[in-house]
Amino acid sequence: MKKSIFDKKMEDPKFKTVYDEVSTEMNIGEQIAQIRHKAKMSQLELAKKVYTSRTAIVRYESGDYNRYNVGTLMRIAKALHKKLKISYV
C-alpha cells in the first residue's frame, strides 16, 4: 500500500519531534492525520471504517479543505476511538 506524504515524513525522527510539539495548534485535517497515524491506520483503512472513500479522507486531511460534515467527523472520531469536540476560540 502506498504511504501518504505525511506517513513518510513521520518516519523522520526530527520531523516527528517538531510535529508533535506543534500538534496542539493544528487544524482539523492535520489533527485527523495525526491521530490516524498514531493509530497506525492507513487512509484506506480509516475510509472503510467510516464508510467513505479514501479520497474523502484525503480531502478531510487536506489543510485547504473547509467543508467538513459533522456526521462524518463523528464517524471519523469513533473509528479512531476519540470523541469529537467542537469549540469556538
C-alpha atoms as a PDB file:
ATOM      1  CA  MET A   1       0.000   0.000   0.000  1.00  0.00           C
ATOM      2  CA  LYS A   2       1.299   3.424  -0.937  1.00  0.00           C
ATOM      3  CA  LYS A   3       2.173   5.682   2.012  1.00  0.00           C
ATOM      4  CA  SER A   4       0.949   9.258   2.170  1.00  0.00           C
ATOM      5  CA  ILE A   5       3.459  12.114   2.239  1.00  0.00           C
ATOM      6  CA  PHE A   6       2.572  12.633   5.898  1.00  0.00           C
ATOM      7  CA  ASP A   7       3.260   8.984   6.732  1.00  0.00           C
ATOM      8  CA  LYS A   8       6.661   9.192   5.021  1.00  0.00           C
ATOM      9  CA  LYS A   9       7.556  12.406   6.867  1.00  0.00           C
ATOM     10  CA  MET A  10       6.591  10.890  10.227  1.00  0.00           C
ATOM     11  CA  GLU A  11       9.308   8.268   9.743  1.00  0.00           C
ATOM     12  CA  ASP A  12      11.889  11.056  10.166  1.00  0.00           C
ATOM     13  CA  PRO A  13      12.521  11.401  13.956  1.00  0.00           C
ATOM     14  CA  LYS A  14      13.374  15.127  13.700  1.00  0.00           C
ATOM     15  CA  PHE A  15      10.188  15.881  11.769  1.00  0.00           C
ATOM     16  CA  LYS A  16       8.107  13.793  14.177  1.00  0.00           C
ATOM     17  CA  THR A  17       9.516  15.626  17.217  1.00  0.00           C
ATOM     18  CA  VAL A  18       8.736  19.069  15.808  1.00  0.00           C
ATOM     19  CA  TYR A  19       5.357  17.907  14.541  1.00  0.00           C
ATOM     20  CA  ASP A  20       4.385  16.544  17.950  1.00  0.00           C
ATOM     21  CA  GLU A  21       5.370  19.833  19.607  1.00  0.00           C
ATOM     22  CA  VAL A  22       3.116  21.962  17.388  1.00  0.00           C
ATOM     23  CA  SER A  23       0.272  19.476  17.048  1.00  0.00           C
ATOM     24  CA  THR A  24      -1.890  21.273  19.598  1.00  0.00           C
ATOM     25  CA  GLU A  25      -2.263  24.180  17.183  1.00  0.00           C
ATOM     26  CA  MET A  26      -3.278  22.144  14.157  1.00  0.00           C
ATOM     27  CA  ASN A  27      -6.370  22.455  12.062  1.00  0.00           C
ATOM     28  CA  ILE A  28      -8.985  19.711  11.808  1.00  0.00           C
ATOM     29  CA  GLY A  29      -7.381  17.912   8.877  1.00  0.00           C
ATOM     30  CA  GLU A  30      -3.975  17.866  10.475  1.00  0.00           C
ATOM     31  CA  GLN A  31      -5.482  16.514  13.685  1.00  0.00           C
ATOM     32  CA  ILE A  32      -7.218  13.695  11.797  1.00  0.00           C
ATOM     33  CA  ALA A  33      -3.968  12.782  10.018  1.00  0.00           C
ATOM     34  CA  GLN A  34      -2.003  12.810  13.271  1.00  0.00           C
ATOM     35  CA  ILE A  35      -4.492  10.663  15.172  1.00  0.00           C
ATOM     36  CA  ARG A  36      -4.778   8.263  12.233  1.00  0.00           C
ATOM     37  CA  HIS A  37      -1.010   7.966  12.050  1.00  0.00           C
ATOM     38  CA  LYS A  38      -0.705   7.332  15.790  1.00  0.00           C
ATOM     39  CA  ALA A  39      -3.317   4.596  15.380  1.00  0.00           C
ATOM     40  CA  LYS A  40      -1.093   3.116  12.642  1.00  0.00           C
ATOM     41  CA  MET A  41      -4.033   3.232  10.265  1.00  0.00           C
ATOM     42  CA  SER A  42      -3.867   3.970   6.547  1.00  0.00           C
ATOM     43  CA  GLN A  43      -6.229   6.390   4.862  1.00  0.00           C
ATOM     44  CA  LEU A  44      -7.900   3.435   3.159  1.00  0.00           C
ATOM     45  CA  GLU A  45      -8.402   1.598   6.462  1.00  0.00           C
ATOM     46  CA  LEU A  46      -9.954   4.699   8.018  1.00  0.00           C
ATOM     47  CA  ALA A  47     -12.156   5.219   4.979  1.00  0.00           C
ATOM     48  CA  LYS A  48     -13.509   1.671   5.265  1.00  0.00           C
ATOM     49  CA  LYS A  49     -14.315   2.152   8.966  1.00  0.00           C
ATOM     50  CA  VAL A  50     -16.062   5.453   8.206  1.00  0.00           C
ATOM     51  CA  TYR A  51     -17.916   4.016   5.176  1.00  0.00           C
ATOM     52  CA  THR A  52     -16.451   6.553   2.785  1.00  0.00           C
ATOM     53  CA  SER A  53     -13.745   6.670   0.123  1.00  0.00           C
ATOM     54  CA  ARG A  54     -10.009   7.111   0.578  1.00  0.00           C
ATOM     55  CA  THR A  55     -10.250  10.304  -1.498  1.00  0.00           C
ATOM     56  CA  ALA A  56     -12.762  11.687   1.023  1.00  0.00           C
ATOM     57  CA  ILE A  57     -10.248  11.049   3.819  1.00  0.00           C
ATOM     58  CA  VAL A  58      -7.536  12.725   1.726  1.00  0.00           C
ATOM     59  CA  ARG A  59      -9.806  15.779   1.371  1.00  0.00           C
ATOM     60  CA  TYR A  60     -10.579  15.812   5.109  1.00  0.00           C
ATOM     61  CA  GLU A  61      -6.860  15.659   5.921  1.00  0.00           C
ATOM     62  CA  SER A  62      -6.069  18.466   3.487  1.00  0.00           C
ATOM     63  CA  GLY A  63      -5.078  21.756   5.061  1.00  0.00           C
ATOM     64  CA  ASP A  64      -7.134  23.586   2.450  1.00  0.00           C
ATOM     65  CA  TYR A  65     -10.431  21.748   2.994  1.00  0.00           C
ATOM     66  CA  ASN A  66     -13.176  23.635   4.833  1.00  0.00           C
ATOM     67  CA  ARG A  67     -16.463  21.844   4.076  1.00  0.00           C
ATOM     68  CA  TYR A  68     -16.477  19.377   6.950  1.00  0.00           C
ATOM     69  CA  ASN A  69     -19.640  17.450   7.748  1.00  0.00           C
ATOM     70  CA  VAL A  70     -20.286  16.943  11.463  1.00  0.00           C
ATOM     71  CA  GLY A  71     -21.694  13.464  10.872  1.00  0.00           C
ATOM     72  CA  THR A  72     -18.554  12.401   9.014  1.00  0.00           C
ATOM     73  CA  LEU A  73     -16.341  13.957  11.681  1.00  0.00           C
ATOM     74  CA  MET A  74     -18.239  11.973  14.314  1.00  0.00           C
ATOM     75  CA  ARG A  75     -17.733   8.720  12.366  1.00  0.00           C
ATOM     76  CA  ILE A  76     -14.018   9.529  11.966  1.00  0.00           C
ATOM     77  CA  ALA A  77     -13.708  10.194  15.705  1.00  0.00           C
ATOM     78  CA  LYS A  78     -15.473   6.925  16.524  1.00  0.00           C
ATOM     79  CA  ALA A  79     -13.278   4.955  14.090  1.00  0.00           C
ATOM     80  CA  LEU A  80     -10.195   6.446  15.765  1.00  0.00           C
ATOM     81  CA  HIS A  81     -11.578   5.806  19.289  1.00  0.00           C
ATOM     82  CA  LYS A  82     -11.796   9.530  20.021  1.00  0.00           C
ATOM     83  CA  LYS A  83     -14.544  11.982  20.934  1.00  0.00           C
ATOM     84  CA  LEU A  84     -15.390  14.906  18.683  1.00  0.00           C
ATOM     85  CA  LYS A  85     -15.139  18.275  20.433  1.00  0.00           C
ATOM     86  CA  ILE A  86     -16.160  21.467  18.672  1.00  0.00           C
ATOM     87  CA  SER A  87     -15.309  24.791  20.245  1.00  0.00           C
ATOM     88  CA  TYR A  88     -15.092  28.467  19.402  1.00  0.00           C
ATOM     89  CA  VAL A  89     -11.880  30.292  20.192  1.00  0.00           C
END
